[in-house]
Amino acid sequence: MSELLRVENLVKHFTSGGGLFGAPRKTVRAVNEVSFTVERGGSMGLVGESGCGKSTVARMLLRLMEPDSGSILFDGIDVRRATTSQMRALRQRIQIVFQDPYASLNPRRTVRQTLEEPLRVHGRGNRRSIADKVASTLSEVGLPVDVLDRYPHEFSGGQRQRIGIARALVLDPDMIIADEPVSALDVSVQAQILQLLSKLRKERGLSFVFVSHDLGVVRQFCDTVSVMYLGRIVESGPTRALLDTPAHPYTRVLKDSSPVPDPQARIRLSKIKGEIPSPTRMPPGCSFNPRCERASDRCRKEMPSLDEIVSGRRVACYFPLSTVSSDGNASAASSGNNV
């Protein structure tokens, strides 16, 4: 597969304080030098705890937030330097599905109005062709055409998410950024939506950036995964190999914290201490060092770079948990939690 998206050294900081009453200014380093690639037709998972910056990354890819620095190349086009007309064209090729399907839909618009609007804005066809496109797209996501004149409050959460997916599909994009698309849904509905996304990916050849905190969902849907902690990617690689044998201590903590659907399973949890540091007062060196039992003086002074330990596997750690072999798998014993 060829490369469709390349993100390099993406940075986004937010400041607060100052102003009239002279409160001290604070800087939140939400995203720090994040880099990854997505192959054409591939799916890249972006995982981490709430507040790690993964949704901020997702929004910057569409310039819903402007990055402070770094580069975003989509099919060879520099997204950050794109003109208004170029961004208009790019937004037809890159669409987003939001976490909360109810909040992302206009309660005053019917399903028909919601799905027709993108086509009208971008001048995609006449009245008849737009109506046909809306009907076929709605059918593609598993909803009957007789719901077109209903409003969002008349649907269940899963149905609303299907409408959100249809809105993303109606312009025939090349890539979908899915920002926690199933986290607000019941488990049974999650499975249905994931099956739908997998079907659409296969039939349409879609590429995905899939933001989630659920490693089980990521294992099922994503080819590769990047793990974020406090704004930085600390490990990346093929999904199954990375989750089976994580090399970074934080990845192991995430894996051990994920529920296992087996009441008889024996899980050996990784040791972790302390609280997540404040994003306005980041510790020197590795940001995970205050919580890591393997931390040394070097970890407390120097920030490790995200280095390749074998083809396709990268980790930002001076003392990784395992030795990774040439097939991308690591030799360390599993913790017993098979996410």
C-alpha atoms as a PDB file:
ATOM      1  CA  MET A   1       0.000   0.000   0.000  1.00  0.00           C
ATOM      2  CA  SER A   2       1.136   3.542  -0.711  1.00  0.00           C
ATOM      3  CA  GLU A   3       1.238   6.308   1.857  1.00  0.00           C
ATOM      4  CA  LEU A   4      -1.800   8.605   2.004  1.00  0.00           C
ATOM      5  CA  LEU A   5      -1.151  10.712   5.134  1.00  0.00           C
ATOM      6  CA  ARG A   6       2.132  11.771   6.720  1.00  0.00           C
ATOM      7  CA  VAL A   7       2.217  13.802   9.930  1.00  0.00           C
ATOM      8  CA  GLU A   8       5.575  15.075  11.175  1.00  0.00           C
ATOM      9  CA  ASN A   9       6.464  16.872  14.420  1.00  0.00           C
ATOM     10  CA  LEU A  10       2.955  18.230  15.019  1.00  0.00           C
ATOM     11  CA  VAL A  11       2.789  20.677  17.960  1.00  0.00           C
ATOM     12  CA  LYS A  12      -0.118  22.407  19.686  1.00  0.00           C
ATOM     13  CA  HIS A  13       0.124  24.440  22.909  1.00  0.00           C
ATOM     14  CA  PHE A  14      -2.637  26.294  24.739  1.00  0.00           C
ATOM     15  CA  THR A  15      -2.102  29.188  27.140  1.00  0.00           C
ATOM     16  CA  SER A  16      -4.268  30.441  30.003  1.00  0.00           C
ATOM     17  CA  GLY A  17      -4.015  33.113  32.677  1.00  0.00           C
ATOM     18  CA  GLY A  18      -2.633  36.625  32.434  1.00  0.00           C
ATOM     19  CA  GLY A  19      -5.050  39.327  31.404  1.00  0.00           C
ATOM     20  CA  LEU A  20      -6.730  41.973  33.534  1.00  0.00           C
ATOM     21  CA  PHE A  21      -6.219  40.423  36.961  1.00  0.00           C
ATOM     22  CA  GLY A  22      -2.636  39.368  36.399  1.00  0.00           C
ATOM     23  CA  ALA A  23      -3.035  35.623  36.952  1.00  0.00           C
ATOM     24  CA  PRO A  24       0.151  33.743  36.049  1.00  0.00           C
ATOM     25  CA  ARG A  25       0.214  32.498  32.470  1.00  0.00           C
ATOM     26  CA  LYS A  26       0.266  28.751  32.058  1.00  0.00           C
ATOM     27  CA  THR A  27       1.059  26.718  28.967  1.00  0.00           C
ATOM     28  CA  VAL A  28      -0.594  23.360  28.302  1.00  0.00           C
ATOM     29  CA  ARG A  29       1.560  21.313  25.942  1.00  0.00           C
ATOM     30  CA  ALA A  30      -1.330  19.376  24.440  1.00  0.00           C
ATOM     31  CA  VAL A  31       0.561  17.886  21.479  1.00  0.00           C
ATOM     32  CA  ASN A  32       4.362  17.652  21.292  1.00  0.00           C
ATOM     33  CA  GLU A  33       6.153  16.583  18.101  1.00  0.00           C
ATOM     34  CA  VAL A  34       3.669  13.891  17.093  1.00  0.00           C
ATOM     35  CA  SER A  35       4.557  11.973  13.918  1.00  0.00           C
ATOM     36  CA  PHE A  36       2.846   9.057  12.147  1.00  0.00           C
ATOM     37  CA  THR A  37       1.796   7.801   8.717  1.00  0.00           C
ATOM     38  CA  VAL A  38      -1.373   6.191   7.363  1.00  0.00           C
ATOM     39  CA  GLU A  39      -1.302   3.915   4.344  1.00  0.00           C
ATOM     40  CA  ARG A  40      -3.866   4.125   1.572  1.00  0.00           C
ATOM     41  CA  GLY A  41      -6.689   1.809   2.641  1.00  0.00           C
ATOM     42  CA  GLY A  42      -5.110   1.356   6.093  1.00  0.00           C
ATOM     43  CA  SER A  43      -6.335   2.125   9.595  1.00  0.00           C
ATOM     44  CA  MET A  44      -4.131   3.748  12.243  1.00  0.00           C
ATOM     45  CA  GLY A  45      -5.279   3.744  15.875  1.00  0.00           C
ATOM     46  CA  LEU A  46      -4.392   6.620  18.199  1.00  0.00           C
ATOM     47  CA  VAL A  47      -4.803   5.507  21.821  1.00  0.00           C
ATOM     48  CA  GLY A  48      -4.185   6.859  25.300  1.00  0.00           C
ATOM     49  CA  GLU A  49      -5.881   8.113  28.438  1.00  0.00           C
ATOM     50  CA  SER A  50      -8.341  11.017  28.365  1.00  0.00           C
ATOM     51  CA  GLY A  51      -6.464  14.293  28.040  1.00  0.00           C
ATOM     52  CA  CYS A  52      -3.402  12.857  26.282  1.00  0.00           C
ATOM     53  CA  GLY A  53      -4.016  14.977  23.164  1.00  0.00           C
ATOM     54  CA  LYS A  54      -5.334  12.409  20.701  1.00  0.00           C
ATOM     55  CA  SER A  55      -8.562  14.288  19.855  1.00  0.00           C
ATOM     56  CA  THR A  56      -6.551  17.496  19.425  1.00  0.00           C
ATOM     57  CA  VAL A  57      -4.405  15.678  16.856  1.00  0.00           C
ATOM     58  CA  ALA A  58      -7.541  14.478  15.052  1.00  0.00           C
ATOM     59  CA  ARG A  59      -8.947  17.996  14.789  1.00  0.00           C
ATOM     60  CA  MET A  60      -5.659  19.453  13.572  1.00  0.00           C
ATOM     61  CA  LEU A  61      -5.617  17.020  10.646  1.00  0.00           C
ATOM     62  CA  LEU A  62      -8.651  18.869   9.268  1.00  0.00           C
ATOM     63  CA  ARG A  63      -7.463  22.252  10.546  1.00  0.00           C
ATOM     64  CA  LEU A  64     -10.468  22.492  12.828  1.00  0.00           C
ATOM     65  CA  MET A  65      -7.618  23.544  15.116  1.00  0.00           C
ATOM     66  CA  GLU A  66      -4.537  25.213  13.697  1.00  0.00           C
ATOM     67  CA  PRO A  67      -1.220  23.536  14.629  1.00  0.00           C
ATOM     68  CA  ASP A  68       1.537  25.681  16.099  1.00  0.00           C
ATOM     69  CA  SER A  69       4.154  23.871  14.045  1.00  0.00           C
ATOM     70  CA  GLY A  70       4.792  20.639  12.178  1.00  0.00           C
ATOM     71  CA  SER A  71       3.612  19.340   8.816  1.00  0.00           C
ATOM     72  CA  ILE A  72       0.547  17.467   7.554  1.00  0.00           C
ATOM     73  CA  LEU A  73       0.866  15.972   4.073  1.00  0.00           C
ATOM     74  CA  PHE A  74      -2.246  14.390   2.575  1.00  0.00           C
ATOM     75  CA  ASP A  75      -1.631  12.637  -0.737  1.00  0.00           C
ATOM     76  CA  GLY A  76       1.349  14.928  -1.255  1.00  0.00           C
ATOM     77  CA  ILE A  77      -0.603  18.133  -0.455  1.00  0.00           C
ATOM     78  CA  ASP A  78       0.650  20.329   2.396  1.00  0.00           C
ATOM     79  CA  VAL A  79      -2.527  20.786   4.452  1.00  0.00           C
ATOM     80  CA  ARG A  80      -1.083  23.568   6.625  1.00  0.00           C
ATOM     81  CA  ARG A  81      -0.175  25.688   3.603  1.00  0.00           C
ATOM     82  CA  ALA A  82      -3.327  24.923   1.625  1.00  0.00           C
ATOM     83  CA  THR A  83      -5.305  27.887   0.292  1.00  0.00           C
ATOM     84  CA  THR A  84      -9.026  28.327   0.951  1.00  0.00           C
ATOM     85  CA  SER A  85      -9.928  26.656  -2.336  1.00  0.00           C
ATOM     86  CA  GLN A  86      -7.487  23.801  -1.715  1.00  0.00           C
ATOM     87  CA  MET A  87      -8.915  23.222   1.775  1.00  0.00           C
ATOM     88  CA  ARG A  88     -12.408  23.182   0.300  1.00  0.00           C
ATOM     89  CA  ALA A  89     -11.322  20.375  -2.006  1.00  0.00           C
ATOM     90  CA  LEU A  90      -9.418  18.566   0.759  1.00  0.00           C
ATOM     91  CA  ARG A  91     -12.430  18.564   3.073  1.00  0.00           C
ATOM     92  CA  GLN A  92     -14.309  16.538   0.494  1.00  0.00           C
ATOM     93  CA  ARG A  93     -11.562  13.930   0.676  1.00  0.00           C
ATOM     94  CA  ILE A  94     -11.130  13.917   4.471  1.00  0.00           C
ATOM     95  CA  GLN A  95     -14.192  13.633   6.699  1.00  0.00           C
ATOM     96  CA  ILE A  96     -14.686  13.219  10.445  1.00  0.00           C
ATOM     97  CA  VAL A  97     -17.063  11.175  12.602  1.00  0.00           C
ATOM     98  CA  PHE A  98     -17.447  12.613  16.088  1.00  0.00           C
ATOM     99  CA  GLN A  99     -17.761  10.859  19.449  1.00  0.00           C
ATOM    100  CA  ASP A 100     -21.215  12.135  20.435  1.00  0.00           C
ATOM    101  CA  PRO A 101     -23.648  11.567  17.553  1.00  0.00           C
ATOM    102  CA  TYR A 102     -26.374  13.670  19.171  1.00  0.00           C
ATOM    103  CA  ALA A 103     -24.181  16.724  19.803  1.00  0.00           C
ATOM    104  CA  SER A 104     -22.731  16.577  16.277  1.00  0.00           C
ATOM    105  CA  LEU A 105     -26.153  16.651  14.567  1.00  0.00           C
ATOM    106  CA  ASN A 106     -28.224  19.816  14.242  1.00  0.00           C
ATOM    107  CA  PRO A 107     -31.473  19.129  16.174  1.00  0.00           C
ATOM    108  CA  ARG A 108     -33.362  21.558  13.890  1.00  0.00           C
ATOM    109  CA  ARG A 109     -32.458  19.716  10.698  1.00  0.00           C
ATOM    110  CA  THR A 110     -33.988  16.542   9.323  1.00  0.00           C
ATOM    111  CA  VAL A 111     -31.823  13.670   8.169  1.00  0.00           C
ATOM    112  CA  ARG A 112     -32.483  14.731   4.575  1.00  0.00           C
ATOM    113  CA  GLN A 113     -31.275  18.290   5.238  1.00  0.00           C
ATOM    114  CA  THR A 114     -28.221  17.024   7.129  1.00  0.00           C
ATOM    115  CA  LEU A 115     -27.101  14.745   4.309  1.00  0.00           C
ATOM    116  CA  GLU A 116     -27.989  17.063   1.438  1.00  0.00           C
ATOM    117  CA  GLU A 117     -26.120  20.079   2.839  1.00  0.00           C
ATOM    118  CA  PRO A 118     -22.532  18.877   2.110  1.00  0.00           C
ATOM    119  CA  LEU A 119     -23.490  18.028  -1.475  1.00  0.00           C
ATOM    120  CA  ARG A 120     -25.088  21.427  -2.022  1.00  0.00           C
ATOM    121  CA  VAL A 121     -22.210  23.333  -0.407  1.00  0.00           C
ATOM    122  CA  HIS A 122     -19.678  21.607  -2.664  1.00  0.00           C
ATOM    123  CA  GLY A 123     -21.875  21.770  -5.771  1.00  0.00           C
ATOM    124  CA  ARG A 124     -22.048  18.006  -6.160  1.00  0.00           C
ATOM    125  CA  GLY A 125     -24.940  17.444  -8.585  1.00  0.00           C
ATOM    126  CA  ASN A 126     -28.456  18.686  -9.260  1.00  0.00           C
ATOM    127  CA  ARG A 127     -31.552  18.214  -7.125  1.00  0.00           C
ATOM    128  CA  ARG A 128     -32.337  14.747  -8.468  1.00  0.00           C
ATOM    129  CA  SER A 129     -28.793  13.389  -8.252  1.00  0.00           C
ATOM    130  CA  ILE A 130     -28.409  14.777  -4.725  1.00  0.00           C
ATOM    131  CA  ALA A 131     -31.629  13.037  -3.640  1.00  0.00           C
ATOM    132  CA  ASP A 132     -30.440   9.761  -5.180  1.00  0.00           C
ATOM    133  CA  LYS A 133     -27.013  10.064  -3.523  1.00  0.00           C
ATOM    134  CA  VAL A 134     -28.558  10.724  -0.098  1.00  0.00           C
ATOM    135  CA  ALA A 135     -30.889   7.732  -0.407  1.00  0.00           C
ATOM    136  CA  SER A 136     -28.134   5.346  -1.508  1.00  0.00           C
ATOM    137  CA  THR A 137     -25.749   6.510   1.235  1.00  0.00           C
ATOM    138  CA  LEU A 138     -28.425   6.129   3.912  1.00  0.00           C
ATOM    139  CA  SER A 139     -29.101   2.603   2.695  1.00  0.00           C
ATOM    140  CA  GLU A 140     -25.360   1.867   2.758  1.00  0.00           C
ATOM    141  CA  VAL A 141     -25.200   2.577   6.512  1.00  0.00           C
ATOM    142  CA  GLY A 142     -28.225   0.372   7.222  1.00  0.00           C
ATOM    143  CA  LEU A 143     -31.061   2.892   7.568  1.00  0.00           C
ATOM    144  CA  PRO A 144     -34.288   2.925   5.491  1.00  0.00           C
ATOM    145  CA  VAL A 145     -35.078   5.915   3.292  1.00  0.00           C
ATOM    146  CA  ASP A 146     -38.365   6.535   5.114  1.00  0.00           C
ATOM    147  CA  VAL A 147     -36.410   8.144   7.992  1.00  0.00           C
ATOM    148  CA  LEU A 148     -35.212  11.041   5.838  1.00  0.00           C
ATOM    149  CA  ASP A 149     -37.775  13.505   7.179  1.00  0.00           C
ATOM    150  CA  ARG A 150     -37.239  12.671  10.843  1.00  0.00           C
ATOM    151  CA  TYR A 151     -35.157  14.641  13.378  1.00  0.00           C
ATOM    152  CA  PRO A 152     -32.158  13.461  15.456  1.00  0.00           C
ATOM    153  CA  HIS A 153     -34.143  13.171  18.723  1.00  0.00           C
ATOM    154  CA  GLU A 154     -36.308  10.481  17.110  1.00  0.00           C
ATOM    155  CA  PHE A 155     -33.394   8.035  16.806  1.00  0.00           C
ATOM    156  CA  SER A 156     -31.384   5.824  19.153  1.00  0.00           C
ATOM    157  CA  GLY A 157     -27.686   6.475  19.780  1.00  0.00           C
ATOM    158  CA  GLY A 158     -26.607   3.814  17.311  1.00  0.00           C
ATOM    159  CA  GLN A 159     -28.939   5.137  14.620  1.00  0.00           C
ATOM    160  CA  ARG A 160     -27.669   8.683  15.163  1.00  0.00           C
ATOM    161  CA  GLN A 161     -24.096   7.478  14.732  1.00  0.00           C
ATOM    162  CA  ARG A 162     -25.105   5.793  11.475  1.00  0.00           C
ATOM    163  CA  ILE A 163     -26.452   9.158  10.321  1.00  0.00           C
ATOM    164  CA  GLY A 164     -23.138  10.775  11.308  1.00  0.00           C
ATOM    165  CA  ILE A 165     -21.275   8.130   9.302  1.00  0.00           C
ATOM    166  CA  ALA A 166     -23.589   8.699   6.324  1.00  0.00           C
ATOM    167  CA  ARG A 167     -22.865  12.430   6.489  1.00  0.00           C
ATOM    168  CA  ALA A 168     -19.137  11.627   6.337  1.00  0.00           C
ATOM    169  CA  LEU A 169     -19.606   9.222   3.422  1.00  0.00           C
ATOM    170  CA  VAL A 170     -21.899  11.309   1.226  1.00  0.00           C
ATOM    171  CA  LEU A 171     -18.962  13.210  -0.343  1.00  0.00           C
ATOM    172  CA  ASP A 172     -17.096   9.955  -1.129  1.00  0.00           C
ATOM    173  CA  PRO A 173     -13.980  10.734   0.954  1.00  0.00           C
ATOM    174  CA  ASP A 174     -10.639   8.934   0.824  1.00  0.00           C
ATOM    175  CA  MET A 175     -10.076   9.138   4.597  1.00  0.00           C
ATOM    176  CA  ILE A 176     -12.269   9.237   7.690  1.00  0.00           C
ATOM    177  CA  ILE A 177     -11.054  10.531  11.034  1.00  0.00           C
ATOM    178  CA  ALA A 178     -13.091   8.631  13.622  1.00  0.00           C
ATOM    179  CA  ASP A 179     -12.877  10.387  17.001  1.00  0.00           C
ATOM    180  CA  GLU A 180     -14.040   7.826  19.592  1.00  0.00           C
ATOM    181  CA  PRO A 181     -16.950   6.812  17.291  1.00  0.00           C
ATOM    182  CA  VAL A 182     -18.271   4.000  19.505  1.00  0.00           C
ATOM    183  CA  SER A 183     -17.356   5.073  23.068  1.00  0.00           C
ATOM    184  CA  ALA A 184     -20.796   6.639  23.732  1.00  0.00           C
ATOM    185  CA  LEU A 185     -22.672   3.510  22.604  1.00  0.00           C
ATOM    186  CA  ASP A 186     -23.785   0.291  24.285  1.00  0.00           C
ATOM    187  CA  VAL A 187     -21.458  -2.677  23.798  1.00  0.00           C
ATOM    188  CA  SER A 188     -23.806  -4.522  21.420  1.00  0.00           C
ATOM    189  CA  VAL A 189     -24.278  -1.367  19.335  1.00  0.00           C
ATOM    190  CA  GLN A 190     -20.499  -0.782  19.354  1.00  0.00           C
ATOM    191  CA  ALA A 191     -20.033  -4.130  17.634  1.00  0.00           C
ATOM    192  CA  GLN A 192     -22.595  -3.252  14.964  1.00  0.00           C
ATOM    193  CA  ILE A 193     -20.962   0.113  14.218  1.00  0.00           C
ATOM    194  CA  LEU A 194     -17.493  -1.451  14.061  1.00  0.00           C
ATOM    195  CA  GLN A 195     -18.773  -4.083  11.636  1.00  0.00           C
ATOM    196  CA  LEU A 196     -20.296  -1.313   9.533  1.00  0.00           C
ATOM    197  CA  LEU A 197     -17.037   0.675   9.484  1.00  0.00           C
ATOM    198  CA  SER A 198     -15.055  -2.457   8.575  1.00  0.00           C
ATOM    199  CA  LYS A 199     -17.482  -3.195   5.735  1.00  0.00           C
ATOM    200  CA  LEU A 200     -17.254   0.379   4.428  1.00  0.00           C
ATOM    201  CA  ARG A 201     -13.462   0.323   4.673  1.00  0.00           C
ATOM    202  CA  LYS A 202     -13.298  -2.855   2.609  1.00  0.00           C
ATOM    203  CA  GLU A 203     -15.892  -1.886  -0.003  1.00  0.00           C
ATOM    204  CA  ARG A 204     -14.814   1.754  -0.448  1.00  0.00           C
ATOM    205  CA  GLY A 205     -11.086   1.364   0.188  1.00  0.00           C
ATOM    206  CA  LEU A 206     -11.262   3.990   2.938  1.00  0.00           C
ATOM    207  CA  SER A 207      -8.344   4.952   5.160  1.00  0.00           C
ATOM    208  CA  PHE A 208      -8.942   5.666   8.855  1.00  0.00           C
ATOM    209  CA  VAL A 209      -7.379   7.566  11.709  1.00  0.00           C
ATOM    210  CA  PHE A 210      -9.191   5.881  14.586  1.00  0.00           C
ATOM    211  CA  VAL A 211      -9.030   7.666  17.959  1.00  0.00           C
ATOM    212  CA  SER A 212      -9.936   5.510  20.953  1.00  0.00           C
ATOM    213  CA  HIS A 213      -9.077   4.611  24.534  1.00  0.00           C
ATOM    214  CA  ASP A 214     -10.444   1.061  24.116  1.00  0.00           C
ATOM    215  CA  LEU A 215      -7.650  -1.323  23.174  1.00  0.00           C
ATOM    216  CA  GLY A 216     -10.113  -4.101  22.366  1.00  0.00           C
ATOM    217  CA  VAL A 217     -11.774  -1.929  19.737  1.00  0.00           C
ATOM    218  CA  VAL A 218      -8.400  -0.870  18.343  1.00  0.00           C
ATOM    219  CA  ARG A 219      -7.218  -4.487  18.133  1.00  0.00           C
ATOM    220  CA  GLN A 220     -10.319  -5.378  16.132  1.00  0.00           C
ATOM    221  CA  PHE A 221     -10.243  -2.454  13.702  1.00  0.00           C
ATOM    222  CA  CYS A 222      -6.729  -1.030  13.285  1.00  0.00           C
ATOM    223  CA  ASP A 223      -3.688  -2.259  11.336  1.00  0.00           C
ATOM    224  CA  THR A 224      -1.241  -0.083  13.266  1.00  0.00           C
ATOM    225  CA  VAL A 225      -1.420   1.829  16.526  1.00  0.00           C
ATOM    226  CA  SER A 226       0.340   4.800  18.126  1.00  0.00           C
ATOM    227  CA  VAL A 227       0.205   5.183  21.914  1.00  0.00           C
ATOM    228  CA  MET A 228       0.077   8.737  23.303  1.00  0.00           C
ATOM    229  CA  TYR A 229       0.996   9.923  26.786  1.00  0.00           C
ATOM    230  CA  LEU A 230       0.812  13.604  27.763  1.00  0.00           C
ATOM    231  CA  GLY A 231       0.979  14.856  24.208  1.00  0.00           C
ATOM    232  CA  ARG A 232       3.715  12.548  22.911  1.00  0.00           C
ATOM    233  CA  ILE A 233       3.732   9.236  21.076  1.00  0.00           C
ATOM    234  CA  VAL A 234       5.627   6.774  23.266  1.00  0.00           C
ATOM    235  CA  GLU A 235       5.216   3.632  21.157  1.00  0.00           C
ATOM    236  CA  SER A 236       3.970   2.684  17.702  1.00  0.00           C
ATOM    237  CA  GLY A 237       3.796  -0.402  15.545  1.00  0.00           C
ATOM    238  CA  PRO A 238       1.565  -3.135  14.121  1.00  0.00           C
ATOM    239  CA  THR A 239      -1.493  -3.442  16.365  1.00  0.00           C
ATOM    240  CA  ARG A 240      -1.423  -7.124  17.240  1.00  0.00           C
ATOM    241  CA  ALA A 241       2.322  -7.282  17.881  1.00  0.00           C
ATOM    242  CA  LEU A 242       2.316  -4.087  19.949  1.00  0.00           C
ATOM    243  CA  LEU A 243      -0.633  -5.128  22.128  1.00  0.00           C
ATOM    244  CA  ASP A 244       0.609  -8.697  22.565  1.00  0.00           C
ATOM    245  CA  THR A 245       4.104  -7.637  23.647  1.00  0.00           C
ATOM    246  CA  PRO A 246       4.287  -3.925  24.525  1.00  0.00           C
ATOM    247  CA  ALA A 247       7.758  -2.432  24.843  1.00  0.00           C
ATOM    248  CA  HIS A 248       6.924   0.800  26.699  1.00  0.00           C
ATOM    249  CA  PRO A 249       5.883   0.586  30.390  1.00  0.00           C
ATOM    250  CA  TYR A 250       2.925   2.888  29.747  1.00  0.00           C
ATOM    251  CA  THR A 251       1.622   0.646  26.953  1.00  0.00           C
ATOM    252  CA  ARG A 252       1.811  -2.289  29.345  1.00  0.00           C
ATOM    253  CA  VAL A 253      -0.201  -0.305  31.922  1.00  0.00           C
ATOM    254  CA  LEU A 254      -2.864   0.476  29.316  1.00  0.00           C
ATOM    255  CA  LYS A 255      -3.047  -3.167  28.309  1.00  0.00           C
ATOM    256  CA  ASP A 256      -3.316  -4.394  31.889  1.00  0.00           C
ATOM    257  CA  SER A 257      -6.041  -1.826  32.607  1.00  0.00           C
ATOM    258  CA  SER A 258      -8.260  -3.049  29.770  1.00  0.00           C
ATOM    259  CA  PRO A 259     -11.116  -5.355  30.787  1.00  0.00           C
ATOM    260  CA  VAL A 260     -10.992  -8.989  29.702  1.00  0.00           C
ATOM    261  CA  PRO A 261     -14.318 -10.702  28.835  1.00  0.00           C
ATOM    262  CA  ASP A 262     -13.438 -13.802  30.876  1.00  0.00           C
ATOM    263  CA  PRO A 263     -14.279 -13.959  34.611  1.00  0.00           C
ATOM    264  CA  GLN A 264     -11.802 -16.824  35.066  1.00  0.00           C
ATOM    265  CA  ALA A 265      -8.867 -14.956  33.539  1.00  0.00           C
ATOM    266  CA  ARG A 266      -5.951 -14.302  35.889  1.00  0.00           C
ATOM    267  CA  ILE A 267      -4.408 -10.883  35.266  1.00  0.00           C
ATOM    268  CA  ARG A 268      -1.059  -9.748  36.601  1.00  0.00           C
ATOM    269  CA  LEU A 269      -1.205  -5.962  36.735  1.00  0.00           C
ATOM    270  CA  SER A 270       1.836  -3.810  36.060  1.00  0.00           C
ATOM    271  CA  LYS A 271       3.003  -1.726  38.988  1.00  0.00           C
ATOM    272  CA  ILE A 272       2.293   1.982  38.660  1.00  0.00           C
ATOM    273  CA  LYS A 273       2.669   4.741  41.201  1.00  0.00           C
ATOM    274  CA  GLY A 274       1.697   8.383  41.534  1.00  0.00           C
ATOM    275  CA  GLU A 275      -0.666  10.571  39.552  1.00  0.00           C
ATOM    276  CA  ILE A 276      -0.523  11.878  36.003  1.00  0.00           C
ATOM    277  CA  PRO A 277       1.610  15.049  36.029  1.00  0.00           C
ATOM    278  CA  SER A 278      -0.095  18.368  35.316  1.00  0.00           C
ATOM    279  CA  PRO A 279       0.214  19.271  31.618  1.00  0.00           C
ATOM    280  CA  THR A 280       1.202  22.792  32.717  1.00  0.00           C
ATOM    281  CA  ARG A 281       4.084  21.486  34.861  1.00  0.00           C
ATOM    282  CA  MET A 282       5.653  18.667  32.923  1.00  0.00           C
ATOM    283  CA  PRO A 283       8.503  16.810  34.644  1.00  0.00           C
ATOM    284  CA  PRO A 284      11.982  17.028  33.089  1.00  0.00           C
ATOM    285  CA  GLY A 285      13.125  14.071  31.045  1.00  0.00           C
ATOM    286  CA  CYS A 286      10.635  11.344  30.158  1.00  0.00           C
ATOM    287  CA  SER A 287       7.121  12.491  31.045  1.00  0.00           C
ATOM    288  CA  PHE A 288       6.286   9.000  32.364  1.00  0.00           C
ATOM    289  CA  ASN A 289       9.252   8.831  34.749  1.00  0.00           C
ATOM    290  CA  PRO A 290       7.335   9.883  37.950  1.00  0.00           C
ATOM    291  CA  ARG A 291       5.083   6.828  37.541  1.00  0.00           C
ATOM    292  CA  CYS A 292       7.575   4.305  36.179  1.00  0.00           C
ATOM    293  CA  GLU A 293       9.304   1.761  38.426  1.00  0.00           C
ATOM    294  CA  ARG A 294      12.071   1.350  35.819  1.00  0.00           C
ATOM    295  CA  ALA A 295      12.996   5.051  35.735  1.00  0.00           C
ATOM    296  CA  SER A 296      16.668   5.957  36.179  1.00  0.00           C
ATOM    297  CA  ASP A 297      18.514   9.264  36.550  1.00  0.00           C
ATOM    298  CA  ARG A 298      18.803   9.427  32.768  1.00  0.00           C
ATOM    299  CA  CYS A 299      15.013   9.109  32.431  1.00  0.00           C
ATOM    300  CA  ARG A 300      14.580  12.029  34.844  1.00  0.00           C
ATOM    301  CA  LYS A 301      16.939  14.280  32.882  1.00  0.00           C
ATOM    302  CA  GLU A 302      16.685  13.388  29.188  1.00  0.00           C
ATOM    303  CA  MET A 303      13.632  12.979  26.970  1.00  0.00           C
ATOM    304  CA  PRO A 304      13.951   9.718  25.013  1.00  0.00           C
ATOM    305  CA  SER A 305      13.323   9.961  21.268  1.00  0.00           C
ATOM    306  CA  LEU A 306      10.909   7.677  19.428  1.00  0.00           C
ATOM    307  CA  ASP A 307      13.432   5.254  17.929  1.00  0.00           C
ATOM    308  CA  GLU A 308      12.914   2.258  15.700  1.00  0.00           C
ATOM    309  CA  ILE A 309      13.796  -0.963  17.519  1.00  0.00           C
ATOM    310  CA  VAL A 310      12.885  -3.140  14.534  1.00  0.00           C
ATOM    311  CA  SER A 311      11.189  -2.451  11.213  1.00  0.00           C
ATOM    312  CA  GLY A 312       7.761  -0.970  11.953  1.00  0.00           C
ATOM    313  CA  ARG A 313       8.182  -0.857  15.760  1.00  0.00           C
ATOM    314  CA  ARG A 314       9.181   2.370  17.552  1.00  0.00           C
ATOM    315  CA  VAL A 315       9.443   3.125  21.252  1.00  0.00           C
ATOM    316  CA  ALA A 316      10.471   6.168  23.296  1.00  0.00           C
ATOM    317  CA  CYS A 317      12.090   4.449  26.262  1.00  0.00           C
ATOM    318  CA  TYR A 318      15.660   3.951  27.475  1.00  0.00           C
ATOM    319  CA  PHE A 319      14.724   0.653  29.165  1.00  0.00           C
ATOM    320  CA  PRO A 320      12.008  -1.062  27.078  1.00  0.00           C
ATOM    321  CA  LEU A 321      10.205  -4.010  28.593  1.00  0.00           C
ATOM    322  CA  SER A 322      11.082  -6.466  25.859  1.00  0.00           C
ATOM    323  CA  THR A 323      13.449  -7.291  23.032  1.00  0.00           C
ATOM    324  CA  VAL A 324      11.592  -7.134  19.736  1.00  0.00           C
ATOM    325  CA  SER A 325      12.471  -9.687  17.076  1.00  0.00           C
ATOM    326  CA  SER A 326      12.605  -9.135  13.323  1.00  0.00           C
ATOM    327  CA  ASP A 327       8.971 -10.257  12.903  1.00  0.00           C
ATOM    328  CA  GLY A 328       7.798  -7.324  15.057  1.00  0.00           C
ATOM    329  CA  ASN A 329       6.989  -9.427  18.125  1.00  0.00           C
ATOM    330  CA  ALA A 330       8.656  -9.090  21.508  1.00  0.00           C
ATOM    331  CA  SER A 331      10.185 -11.855  23.572  1.00  0.00           C
ATOM    332  CA  ALA A 332       9.005 -10.746  27.027  1.00  0.00           C
ATOM    333  CA  ALA A 333       6.397 -12.833  28.781  1.00  0.00           C
ATOM    334  CA  SER A 334       2.794 -11.664  28.453  1.00  0.00           C
ATOM    335  CA  SER A 335       1.057 -10.185  31.481  1.00  0.00           C
ATOM    336  CA  GLY A 336      -1.849 -12.573  30.930  1.00  0.00           C
ATOM    337  CA  ASN A 337      -4.271  -9.875  29.806  1.00  0.00           C
ATOM    338  CA  ASN A 338      -5.119 -10.709  26.195  1.00  0.00           C
ATOM    339  CA  VAL A 339      -6.713  -7.511  24.978  1.00  0.00           C
END
